[in-house]
Amino acid sequence: MADEAAPSTETEDSPPAQRPRSNLGLVIGFVGMIVVIETGMFFFLVPSAEQVSALAEQQLIQSVQEGAEEAEQEASDENLVEEFELGMFGETFSPTDTDRSFRVELRLYGLIRAKNREKMEKEFEAKTGRLRHEIRKKIRNSELAELQDNQLGLLERRILTICNHLLDEDMLLGVGFNDYQLIED
């Protein structure tokens, strides 16, 4: 009995046992707050369907414009006119209308499109002899007045015509003279 009395005194002396406090309300409040914040972020930060379609349309227009600009730049680069060296020429001749002897010294270039440079280099290498021969003939068969002309337009046209005739395609747009001298011997 003494044993029975001891346990009852312990329960009488100790304060009544409290149930452990539950944090369930705090957890529910925290989760609820996060749901409210995420919902607010969704409504205020995520764009609407109209905004998304407007943005996509703007990006599409911008990419099309950039593509058009790149294509235009590439086309203009291909159509850029460049000089192509046709060589140095020095011819001594006697015009048909005089007994005097003259010497013509010139450095000739042709105008070609940038896209035709590679073809022109190959063709010029293959036909250098024929081109030089025909150019020399045109110079020798020219009249003195043509060679003394300030513009040399007739000589340029003749050389351009014969060069384009010898080439597979009319790649030369024009010809010109870097240096030109007509010297009486």
N, C-alpha and C. Protein backbone atom coordinates (compact mmCIF):
# COMPACT_ATOMS: atom_id res chain seq x y z
N MET A 1 0.77 -1.14 0.00
CA MET A 1 0.00 0.00 0.00
C MET A 1 0.85 1.25 0.00
N ALA A 2 1.91 1.07 0.58
CA ALA A 2 2.81 2.21 0.57
C ALA A 2 3.22 2.53 -0.85
N ASP A 3 3.29 1.47 -1.60
CA ASP A 3 3.65 1.70 -3.00
C ASP A 3 2.52 2.42 -3.72
N GLU A 4 1.34 2.14 -3.34
CA GLU A 4 0.23 2.76 -4.00
C GLU A 4 0.12 4.22 -3.62
N ALA A 5 0.52 4.58 -2.45
CA ALA A 5 0.41 5.95 -1.99
C ALA A 5 1.43 6.83 -2.68
N ALA A 6 2.55 6.31 -2.99
CA ALA A 6 3.62 7.11 -3.59
C ALA A 6 3.23 7.62 -4.97
N PRO A 7 2.67 6.83 -5.82
CA PRO A 7 2.34 7.37 -7.12
C PRO A 7 1.27 8.42 -7.04
N SER A 8 0.38 8.38 -6.13
CA SER A 8 -0.67 9.37 -6.07
C SER A 8 -0.13 10.71 -5.61
N THR A 9 0.91 10.72 -4.77
CA THR A 9 1.48 11.97 -4.33
C THR A 9 2.22 12.66 -5.47
N GLU A 10 2.78 11.89 -6.33
CA GLU A 10 3.49 12.49 -7.47
C GLU A 10 2.52 13.21 -8.37
N THR A 11 1.42 12.64 -8.63
CA THR A 11 0.45 13.26 -9.51
C THR A 11 -0.16 14.47 -8.84
N GLU A 12 -0.27 14.46 -7.54
CA GLU A 12 -0.82 15.59 -6.85
C GLU A 12 0.16 16.73 -6.80
N ASP A 13 1.45 16.45 -6.66
CA ASP A 13 2.47 17.49 -6.54
C ASP A 13 2.76 18.14 -7.90
N SER A 14 2.73 17.41 -8.95
CA SER A 14 3.11 17.96 -10.26
C SER A 14 1.94 18.71 -10.86
N PRO A 15 2.25 19.73 -11.61
CA PRO A 15 1.17 20.49 -12.24
C PRO A 15 0.48 19.62 -13.27
N PRO A 16 -0.71 19.98 -13.63
CA PRO A 16 -1.42 19.15 -14.59
C PRO A 16 -0.67 19.14 -15.93
N ALA A 17 -0.61 18.06 -16.56
CA ALA A 17 0.15 17.89 -17.82
C ALA A 17 -0.54 18.69 -18.93
N GLN A 18 0.27 19.51 -19.61
CA GLN A 18 -0.28 20.32 -20.71
C GLN A 18 -0.07 19.57 -22.01
N ARG A 19 -1.02 19.71 -22.82
CA ARG A 19 -0.88 19.10 -24.14
C ARG A 19 0.15 19.89 -24.92
N PRO A 20 0.96 19.20 -25.69
CA PRO A 20 1.94 19.98 -26.47
C PRO A 20 1.19 20.91 -27.43
N ARG A 21 1.72 22.10 -27.51
CA ARG A 21 1.06 23.13 -28.32
C ARG A 21 1.29 22.82 -29.79
N SER A 22 0.27 22.88 -30.55
CA SER A 22 0.35 22.53 -31.97
C SER A 22 0.61 23.80 -32.77
N ASN A 23 1.54 23.72 -33.77
CA ASN A 23 1.87 24.83 -34.67
C ASN A 23 1.10 24.72 -35.96
N LEU A 24 0.04 24.01 -35.93
CA LEU A 24 -0.76 23.78 -37.13
C LEU A 24 -1.32 25.09 -37.68
N GLY A 25 -1.76 25.97 -36.86
CA GLY A 25 -2.31 27.25 -37.31
C GLY A 25 -1.23 28.11 -37.98
N LEU A 26 -0.03 28.07 -37.41
CA LEU A 26 1.08 28.83 -37.97
C LEU A 26 1.47 28.29 -39.34
N VAL A 27 1.52 26.99 -39.49
CA VAL A 27 1.86 26.36 -40.78
C VAL A 27 0.79 26.69 -41.82
N ILE A 28 -0.47 26.59 -41.43
CA ILE A 28 -1.56 26.90 -42.36
C ILE A 28 -1.50 28.37 -42.77
N GLY A 29 -1.22 29.25 -41.85
CA GLY A 29 -1.10 30.68 -42.16
C GLY A 29 0.06 30.95 -43.12
N PHE A 30 1.19 30.29 -42.88
CA PHE A 30 2.37 30.47 -43.74
C PHE A 30 2.09 29.98 -45.16
N VAL A 31 1.52 28.80 -45.29
CA VAL A 31 1.19 28.24 -46.60
C VAL A 31 0.16 29.11 -47.30
N GLY A 32 -0.82 29.59 -46.57
CA GLY A 32 -1.84 30.47 -47.15
C GLY A 32 -1.22 31.76 -47.67
N MET A 33 -0.28 32.32 -46.91
CA MET A 33 0.39 33.56 -47.33
C MET A 33 1.19 33.33 -48.61
N ILE A 34 1.87 32.22 -48.72
CA ILE A 34 2.64 31.91 -49.93
C ILE A 34 1.71 31.75 -51.12
N VAL A 35 0.59 31.09 -50.94
CA VAL A 35 -0.38 30.93 -52.03
C VAL A 35 -0.90 32.29 -52.48
N VAL A 36 -1.19 33.17 -51.54
CA VAL A 36 -1.68 34.50 -51.88
C VAL A 36 -0.61 35.29 -52.64
N ILE A 37 0.64 35.23 -52.19
CA ILE A 37 1.74 35.95 -52.86
C ILE A 37 1.95 35.41 -54.27
N GLU A 38 1.97 34.10 -54.43
CA GLU A 38 2.15 33.52 -55.77
C GLU A 38 1.00 33.88 -56.70
N THR A 39 -0.20 33.88 -56.19
CA THR A 39 -1.36 34.26 -57.01
C THR A 39 -1.25 35.72 -57.44
N GLY A 40 -0.86 36.58 -56.51
CA GLY A 40 -0.66 37.99 -56.85
C GLY A 40 0.44 38.17 -57.89
N MET A 41 1.53 37.45 -57.73
CA MET A 41 2.62 37.53 -58.71
C MET A 41 2.14 37.05 -60.08
N PHE A 42 1.35 36.02 -60.10
CA PHE A 42 0.84 35.51 -61.37
C PHE A 42 0.00 36.57 -62.08
N PHE A 43 -0.89 37.22 -61.33
CA PHE A 43 -1.77 38.20 -61.96
C PHE A 43 -1.03 39.48 -62.38
N PHE A 44 -0.02 39.87 -61.61
CA PHE A 44 0.64 41.14 -61.90
C PHE A 44 1.91 41.01 -62.75
N LEU A 45 2.59 39.88 -62.70
CA LEU A 45 3.87 39.75 -63.40
C LEU A 45 3.80 38.93 -64.68
N VAL A 46 2.91 37.99 -64.77
CA VAL A 46 2.80 37.17 -65.97
C VAL A 46 1.99 37.96 -67.00
N PRO A 47 2.54 38.12 -68.23
CA PRO A 47 1.83 38.92 -69.23
C PRO A 47 0.55 38.23 -69.70
N SER A 48 -0.37 39.05 -70.16
CA SER A 48 -1.63 38.51 -70.67
C SER A 48 -1.41 37.95 -72.07
N ALA A 49 -2.42 37.31 -72.60
CA ALA A 49 -2.32 36.72 -73.94
C ALA A 49 -2.10 37.80 -74.99
N GLU A 50 -2.74 38.96 -74.82
CA GLU A 50 -2.56 40.05 -75.78
C GLU A 50 -1.13 40.57 -75.75
N GLN A 51 -0.57 40.68 -74.54
CA GLN A 51 0.81 41.15 -74.42
C GLN A 51 1.79 40.15 -75.04
N VAL A 52 1.55 38.87 -74.82
CA VAL A 52 2.41 37.84 -75.39
C VAL A 52 2.35 37.87 -76.91
N SER A 53 1.16 38.00 -77.47
CA SER A 53 1.04 38.02 -78.93
C SER A 53 1.66 39.29 -79.51
N ALA A 54 1.50 40.43 -78.82
CA ALA A 54 2.11 41.68 -79.30
C ALA A 54 3.63 41.57 -79.26
N LEU A 55 4.17 40.98 -78.21
CA LEU A 55 5.62 40.80 -78.10
C LEU A 55 6.14 39.86 -79.18
N ALA A 56 5.43 38.77 -79.42
CA ALA A 56 5.83 37.83 -80.47
C ALA A 56 5.78 38.49 -81.84
N GLU A 57 4.76 39.29 -82.09
CA GLU A 57 4.64 39.99 -83.37
C GLU A 57 5.78 40.99 -83.54
N GLN A 58 6.11 41.69 -82.48
CA GLN A 58 7.21 42.66 -82.54
C GLN A 58 8.54 41.97 -82.83
N GLN A 59 8.79 40.84 -82.18
CA GLN A 59 10.02 40.09 -82.42
C GLN A 59 10.06 39.55 -83.84
N LEU A 60 8.94 39.10 -84.36
CA LEU A 60 8.88 38.60 -85.73
C LEU A 60 9.18 39.71 -86.72
N ILE A 61 8.58 40.87 -86.52
CA ILE A 61 8.83 42.00 -87.42
C ILE A 61 10.29 42.41 -87.36
N GLN A 62 10.86 42.43 -86.18
CA GLN A 62 12.26 42.81 -86.02
C GLN A 62 13.18 41.80 -86.71
N SER A 63 12.91 40.51 -86.57
CA SER A 63 13.76 39.51 -87.21
C SER A 63 13.63 39.56 -88.73
N VAL A 64 12.43 39.83 -89.24
CA VAL A 64 12.25 39.97 -90.69
C VAL A 64 13.01 41.18 -91.20
N GLN A 65 12.95 42.29 -90.47
CA GLN A 65 13.68 43.49 -90.88
C GLN A 65 15.18 43.26 -90.85
N GLU A 66 15.68 42.58 -89.82
CA GLU A 66 17.11 42.29 -89.75
C GLU A 66 17.52 41.37 -90.90
N GLY A 67 16.69 40.38 -91.20
CA GLY A 67 16.98 39.48 -92.32
C GLY A 67 16.99 40.22 -93.63
N ALA A 68 16.06 41.15 -93.81
CA ALA A 68 16.02 41.95 -95.04
C ALA A 68 17.25 42.85 -95.14
N GLU A 69 17.66 43.43 -94.02
CA GLU A 69 18.85 44.29 -94.02
C GLU A 69 20.10 43.47 -94.35
N GLU A 70 20.21 42.27 -93.77
CA GLU A 70 21.36 41.40 -94.05
C GLU A 70 21.37 41.00 -95.53
N ALA A 71 20.21 40.64 -96.07
CA ALA A 71 20.14 40.25 -97.48
C ALA A 71 20.48 41.44 -98.38
N GLU A 72 20.01 42.62 -98.01
CA GLU A 72 20.31 43.82 -98.79
C GLU A 72 21.80 44.13 -98.74
N GLN A 73 22.40 43.98 -97.55
CA GLN A 73 23.83 44.24 -97.41
C GLN A 73 24.64 43.23 -98.21
N GLU A 74 24.22 41.96 -98.16
CA GLU A 74 24.92 40.92 -98.92
C GLU A 74 24.80 41.18 -100.42
N ALA A 75 23.61 41.56 -100.86
CA ALA A 75 23.41 41.85 -102.29
C ALA A 75 24.23 43.06 -102.70
N SER A 76 24.29 44.07 -101.84
CA SER A 76 25.08 45.25 -102.21
C SER A 76 26.56 44.93 -102.21
N ASP A 77 27.01 44.02 -101.31
CA ASP A 77 28.41 43.61 -101.33
C ASP A 77 28.74 42.85 -102.60
N GLU A 78 27.82 42.01 -103.06
CA GLU A 78 28.06 41.26 -104.29
C GLU A 78 28.07 42.17 -105.51
N ASN A 79 27.28 43.22 -105.49
CA ASN A 79 27.18 44.13 -106.63
C ASN A 79 28.15 45.29 -106.53
N LEU A 80 29.00 45.28 -105.53
CA LEU A 80 29.99 46.33 -105.37
C LEU A 80 30.95 46.27 -106.55
N VAL A 81 31.25 47.42 -107.13
CA VAL A 81 32.12 47.49 -108.30
C VAL A 81 33.57 47.62 -107.83
N GLU A 82 34.43 46.76 -108.37
CA GLU A 82 35.85 46.75 -108.02
C GLU A 82 36.69 46.90 -109.27
N GLU A 83 37.94 47.31 -109.06
CA GLU A 83 38.88 47.40 -110.17
C GLU A 83 39.60 46.06 -110.32
N PHE A 84 39.85 45.70 -111.57
CA PHE A 84 40.59 44.48 -111.89
C PHE A 84 41.72 44.88 -112.83
N GLU A 85 42.95 44.61 -112.43
CA GLU A 85 44.12 45.02 -113.21
C GLU A 85 44.23 44.19 -114.49
N LEU A 86 44.24 44.88 -115.63
CA LEU A 86 44.37 44.21 -116.93
C LEU A 86 45.80 44.25 -117.47
N GLY A 87 46.65 45.08 -116.90
CA GLY A 87 48.06 45.05 -117.26
C GLY A 87 48.60 46.37 -117.77
N MET A 88 49.92 46.34 -118.03
CA MET A 88 50.64 47.50 -118.58
C MET A 88 50.85 47.25 -120.06
N PHE A 89 50.73 48.32 -120.82
CA PHE A 89 50.91 48.23 -122.27
C PHE A 89 51.81 49.37 -122.71
N GLY A 90 52.76 49.06 -123.57
CA GLY A 90 53.62 50.06 -124.18
C GLY A 90 53.74 49.73 -125.66
N GLU A 91 53.18 50.56 -126.50
CA GLU A 91 53.14 50.29 -127.93
C GLU A 91 53.76 51.44 -128.70
N THR A 92 54.63 51.10 -129.63
CA THR A 92 55.17 52.08 -130.56
C THR A 92 54.47 51.86 -131.89
N PHE A 93 53.97 52.94 -132.49
CA PHE A 93 53.24 52.80 -133.74
C PHE A 93 53.35 54.09 -134.53
N SER A 94 53.01 53.99 -135.77
CA SER A 94 52.98 55.15 -136.66
C SER A 94 51.56 55.27 -137.19
N PRO A 95 50.84 56.32 -136.81
CA PRO A 95 49.45 56.47 -137.27
C PRO A 95 49.39 56.54 -138.79
N THR A 96 48.24 56.16 -139.34
CA THR A 96 48.09 56.10 -140.80
C THR A 96 48.11 57.48 -141.44
N ASP A 97 47.77 58.51 -140.72
CA ASP A 97 47.71 59.83 -141.32
C ASP A 97 48.99 60.65 -141.15
N THR A 98 50.07 60.05 -140.64
CA THR A 98 51.33 60.76 -140.44
C THR A 98 52.51 59.82 -140.60
N ASP A 99 53.70 60.43 -140.82
CA ASP A 99 54.93 59.63 -140.93
C ASP A 99 55.68 59.58 -139.60
N ARG A 100 55.21 60.27 -138.62
CA ARG A 100 55.89 60.29 -137.33
C ARG A 100 55.60 59.01 -136.55
N SER A 101 56.45 58.75 -135.57
CA SER A 101 56.31 57.56 -134.74
C SER A 101 55.93 58.01 -133.32
N PHE A 102 55.01 57.28 -132.72
CA PHE A 102 54.54 57.60 -131.36
C PHE A 102 54.63 56.37 -130.48
N ARG A 103 54.72 56.65 -129.19
CA ARG A 103 54.72 55.56 -128.20
C ARG A 103 53.58 55.84 -127.21
N VAL A 104 52.76 54.82 -126.99
CA VAL A 104 51.68 54.91 -126.00
C VAL A 104 52.04 53.98 -124.85
N GLU A 105 52.04 54.53 -123.65
CA GLU A 105 52.28 53.73 -122.45
C GLU A 105 51.06 53.91 -121.55
N LEU A 106 50.50 52.79 -121.14
CA LEU A 106 49.31 52.88 -120.29
C LEU A 106 49.21 51.68 -119.37
N ARG A 107 48.54 51.90 -118.26
CA ARG A 107 48.21 50.82 -117.33
C ARG A 107 46.70 50.74 -117.31
N LEU A 108 46.17 49.59 -117.69
CA LEU A 108 44.74 49.43 -117.93
C LEU A 108 44.09 48.64 -116.79
N TYR A 109 42.91 49.07 -116.39
CA TYR A 109 42.12 48.31 -115.41
C TYR A 109 40.69 48.17 -115.93
N GLY A 110 40.02 47.15 -115.43
CA GLY A 110 38.61 46.94 -115.77
C GLY A 110 37.76 47.03 -114.52
N LEU A 111 36.52 47.42 -114.68
CA LEU A 111 35.57 47.48 -113.57
C LEU A 111 34.69 46.23 -113.62
N ILE A 112 34.67 45.50 -112.50
CA ILE A 112 33.87 44.27 -112.41
C ILE A 112 33.09 44.29 -111.11
N ARG A 113 32.08 43.44 -111.03
CA ARG A 113 31.33 43.27 -109.78
C ARG A 113 32.12 42.33 -108.87
N ALA A 114 31.98 42.53 -107.57
CA ALA A 114 32.72 41.74 -106.59
C ALA A 114 32.41 40.25 -106.73
N LYS A 115 31.16 39.92 -107.07
CA LYS A 115 30.78 38.51 -107.18
C LYS A 115 31.44 37.83 -108.38
N ASN A 116 31.91 38.61 -109.36
CA ASN A 116 32.53 38.04 -110.56
C ASN A 116 34.05 37.98 -110.49
N ARG A 117 34.66 38.40 -109.38
CA ARG A 117 36.12 38.48 -109.31
C ARG A 117 36.78 37.12 -109.54
N GLU A 118 36.29 36.10 -108.89
CA GLU A 118 36.92 34.78 -109.01
C GLU A 118 36.84 34.26 -110.45
N LYS A 119 35.66 34.39 -111.08
CA LYS A 119 35.52 33.95 -112.48
C LYS A 119 36.42 34.76 -113.39
N MET A 120 36.51 36.06 -113.13
CA MET A 120 37.33 36.93 -113.97
C MET A 120 38.80 36.57 -113.84
N GLU A 121 39.26 36.27 -112.65
CA GLU A 121 40.66 35.89 -112.45
C GLU A 121 40.98 34.62 -113.23
N LYS A 122 40.09 33.63 -113.17
CA LYS A 122 40.32 32.38 -113.90
C LYS A 122 40.32 32.60 -115.41
N GLU A 123 39.34 33.34 -115.89
CA GLU A 123 39.26 33.59 -117.34
C GLU A 123 40.41 34.45 -117.82
N PHE A 124 40.79 35.44 -117.05
CA PHE A 124 41.89 36.32 -117.45
C PHE A 124 43.18 35.54 -117.52
N GLU A 125 43.38 34.64 -116.56
CA GLU A 125 44.59 33.81 -116.57
C GLU A 125 44.60 32.91 -117.81
N ALA A 126 43.46 32.36 -118.17
CA ALA A 126 43.39 31.46 -119.32
C ALA A 126 43.50 32.21 -120.65
N LYS A 127 43.06 33.46 -120.70
CA LYS A 127 43.00 34.18 -121.98
C LYS A 127 43.87 35.43 -122.00
N THR A 128 44.90 35.48 -121.19
CA THR A 128 45.74 36.68 -121.11
C THR A 128 46.36 37.03 -122.45
N GLY A 129 46.90 36.06 -123.13
CA GLY A 129 47.56 36.31 -124.42
C GLY A 129 46.61 36.91 -125.44
N ARG A 130 45.44 36.32 -125.58
CA ARG A 130 44.47 36.83 -126.56
C ARG A 130 43.99 38.23 -126.20
N LEU A 131 43.73 38.45 -124.92
CA LEU A 131 43.28 39.78 -124.49
C LEU A 131 44.35 40.84 -124.75
N ARG A 132 45.59 40.54 -124.38
CA ARG A 132 46.68 41.50 -124.59
C ARG A 132 46.87 41.77 -126.09
N HIS A 133 46.80 40.75 -126.91
CA HIS A 133 46.98 40.91 -128.35
C HIS A 133 45.90 41.83 -128.93
N GLU A 134 44.66 41.59 -128.57
CA GLU A 134 43.56 42.40 -129.09
C GLU A 134 43.62 43.85 -128.59
N ILE A 135 44.02 44.02 -127.34
CA ILE A 135 44.16 45.38 -126.80
C ILE A 135 45.26 46.13 -127.55
N ARG A 136 46.36 45.45 -127.81
CA ARG A 136 47.46 46.08 -128.57
C ARG A 136 47.00 46.45 -129.98
N LYS A 137 46.22 45.55 -130.61
CA LYS A 137 45.72 45.86 -131.95
C LYS A 137 44.83 47.10 -131.93
N LYS A 138 43.98 47.20 -130.92
CA LYS A 138 43.10 48.37 -130.82
C LYS A 138 43.91 49.65 -130.64
N ILE A 139 44.96 49.59 -129.85
CA ILE A 139 45.80 50.77 -129.65
C ILE A 139 46.51 51.15 -130.95
N ARG A 140 47.09 50.16 -131.62
CA ARG A 140 47.84 50.44 -132.86
C ARG A 140 46.94 50.92 -133.99
N ASN A 141 45.72 50.44 -134.05
CA ASN A 141 44.81 50.82 -135.13
C ASN A 141 44.05 52.12 -134.84
N SER A 142 44.30 52.72 -133.70
CA SER A 142 43.62 53.97 -133.36
C SER A 142 44.25 55.13 -134.12
N GLU A 143 43.45 56.13 -134.38
CA GLU A 143 43.96 57.33 -135.03
C GLU A 143 44.61 58.22 -133.98
N LEU A 144 45.49 59.09 -134.42
CA LEU A 144 46.21 59.97 -133.52
C LEU A 144 45.25 60.87 -132.74
N ALA A 145 44.20 61.35 -133.38
CA ALA A 145 43.23 62.22 -132.71
C ALA A 145 42.53 61.48 -131.56
N GLU A 146 42.25 60.19 -131.73
CA GLU A 146 41.63 59.40 -130.67
C GLU A 146 42.56 59.28 -129.47
N LEU A 147 43.85 59.08 -129.75
CA LEU A 147 44.81 58.89 -128.67
C LEU A 147 45.15 60.19 -127.97
N GLN A 148 44.95 61.33 -128.64
CA GLN A 148 45.22 62.63 -128.04
C GLN A 148 43.99 63.20 -127.34
N ASP A 149 42.86 62.57 -127.48
CA ASP A 149 41.62 63.03 -126.86
C ASP A 149 41.76 62.98 -125.33
N ASN A 150 41.29 64.02 -124.66
CA ASN A 150 41.41 64.09 -123.20
C ASN A 150 40.63 62.99 -122.50
N GLN A 151 39.48 62.64 -123.01
CA GLN A 151 38.62 61.66 -122.35
C GLN A 151 38.97 60.22 -122.72
N LEU A 152 39.55 60.01 -123.87
CA LEU A 152 39.89 58.67 -124.37
C LEU A 152 38.67 57.75 -124.43
N GLY A 153 37.50 58.33 -124.62
CA GLY A 153 36.25 57.58 -124.60
C GLY A 153 36.14 56.54 -125.69
N LEU A 154 36.55 56.90 -126.90
CA LEU A 154 36.44 55.95 -128.02
C LEU A 154 37.37 54.76 -127.81
N LEU A 155 38.59 55.03 -127.36
CA LEU A 155 39.54 53.94 -127.10
C LEU A 155 39.03 53.04 -125.97
N GLU A 156 38.48 53.63 -124.92
CA GLU A 156 37.92 52.84 -123.82
C GLU A 156 36.80 51.93 -124.31
N ARG A 157 35.89 52.47 -125.11
CA ARG A 157 34.76 51.67 -125.62
C ARG A 157 35.26 50.53 -126.50
N ARG A 158 36.24 50.80 -127.35
CA ARG A 158 36.77 49.73 -128.22
C ARG A 158 37.41 48.62 -127.41
N ILE A 159 38.21 49.01 -126.43
CA ILE A 159 38.87 47.99 -125.59
C ILE A 159 37.83 47.21 -124.79
N LEU A 160 36.84 47.89 -124.24
CA LEU A 160 35.78 47.22 -123.48
C LEU A 160 35.03 46.23 -124.36
N THR A 161 34.70 46.63 -125.57
CA THR A 161 33.95 45.76 -126.48
C THR A 161 34.74 44.51 -126.82
N ILE A 162 36.01 44.67 -127.16
CA ILE A 162 36.80 43.50 -127.56
C ILE A 162 37.07 42.58 -126.37
N CYS A 163 37.28 43.14 -125.18
CA CYS A 163 37.52 42.30 -124.00
C CYS A 163 36.27 41.50 -123.64
N ASN A 164 35.12 42.14 -123.64
CA ASN A 164 33.88 41.42 -123.32
C ASN A 164 33.56 40.38 -124.39
N HIS A 165 33.96 40.65 -125.63
CA HIS A 165 33.75 39.68 -126.71
C HIS A 165 34.60 38.43 -126.49
N LEU A 166 35.82 38.61 -126.00
CA LEU A 166 36.70 37.46 -125.77
C LEU A 166 36.35 36.68 -124.51
N LEU A 167 35.78 37.34 -123.53
CA LEU A 167 35.40 36.66 -122.29
C LEU A 167 34.10 35.90 -122.50
N ASP A 168 33.88 34.84 -121.72
CA ASP A 168 32.66 34.04 -121.85
C ASP A 168 31.41 34.86 -121.53
N GLU A 169 31.51 35.70 -120.51
CA GLU A 169 30.39 36.56 -120.13
C GLU A 169 30.86 38.00 -120.18
N ASP A 170 29.92 38.93 -120.28
CA ASP A 170 30.28 40.35 -120.25
C ASP A 170 30.49 40.77 -118.80
N MET A 171 31.64 40.41 -118.26
CA MET A 171 31.93 40.71 -116.86
C MET A 171 32.47 42.11 -116.67
N LEU A 172 33.11 42.67 -117.68
CA LEU A 172 33.66 44.01 -117.55
C LEU A 172 32.55 45.05 -117.71
N LEU A 173 32.43 45.92 -116.75
CA LEU A 173 31.44 47.00 -116.81
C LEU A 173 32.03 48.23 -117.49
N GLY A 174 33.32 48.34 -117.43
CA GLY A 174 34.01 49.47 -118.04
C GLY A 174 35.50 49.26 -117.93
N VAL A 175 36.26 50.06 -118.63
CA VAL A 175 37.72 50.03 -118.52
C VAL A 175 38.20 51.46 -118.28
N GLY A 176 39.39 51.55 -117.75
CA GLY A 176 39.97 52.87 -117.49
C GLY A 176 41.48 52.76 -117.49
N PHE A 177 42.12 53.91 -117.42
CA PHE A 177 43.57 53.98 -117.47
C PHE A 177 44.09 54.56 -116.16
N ASN A 178 44.94 53.80 -115.47
CA ASN A 178 45.60 54.34 -114.28
C ASN A 178 46.66 55.34 -114.70
N ASP A 179 47.46 54.98 -115.68
CA ASP A 179 48.49 55.85 -116.24
C ASP A 179 48.31 55.84 -117.74
N TYR A 180 48.50 57.01 -118.35
CA TYR A 180 48.39 57.09 -119.81
C TYR A 180 49.35 58.17 -120.29
N GLN A 181 50.19 57.78 -121.24
CA GLN A 181 51.11 58.75 -121.84
C GLN A 181 51.19 58.48 -123.33
N LEU A 182 51.13 59.55 -124.11
CA LEU A 182 51.33 59.49 -125.55
C LEU A 182 52.59 60.31 -125.81
N ILE A 183 53.63 59.62 -126.26
CA ILE A 183 54.94 60.25 -126.44
C ILE A 183 55.32 60.18 -127.91
N GLU A 184 55.76 61.32 -128.47
CA GLU A 184 56.22 61.32 -129.86
C GLU A 184 57.68 60.91 -129.86
N ASP A 185 58.03 59.91 -130.68
CA ASP A 185 59.42 59.44 -130.78
C ASP A 185 60.18 60.25 -131.79
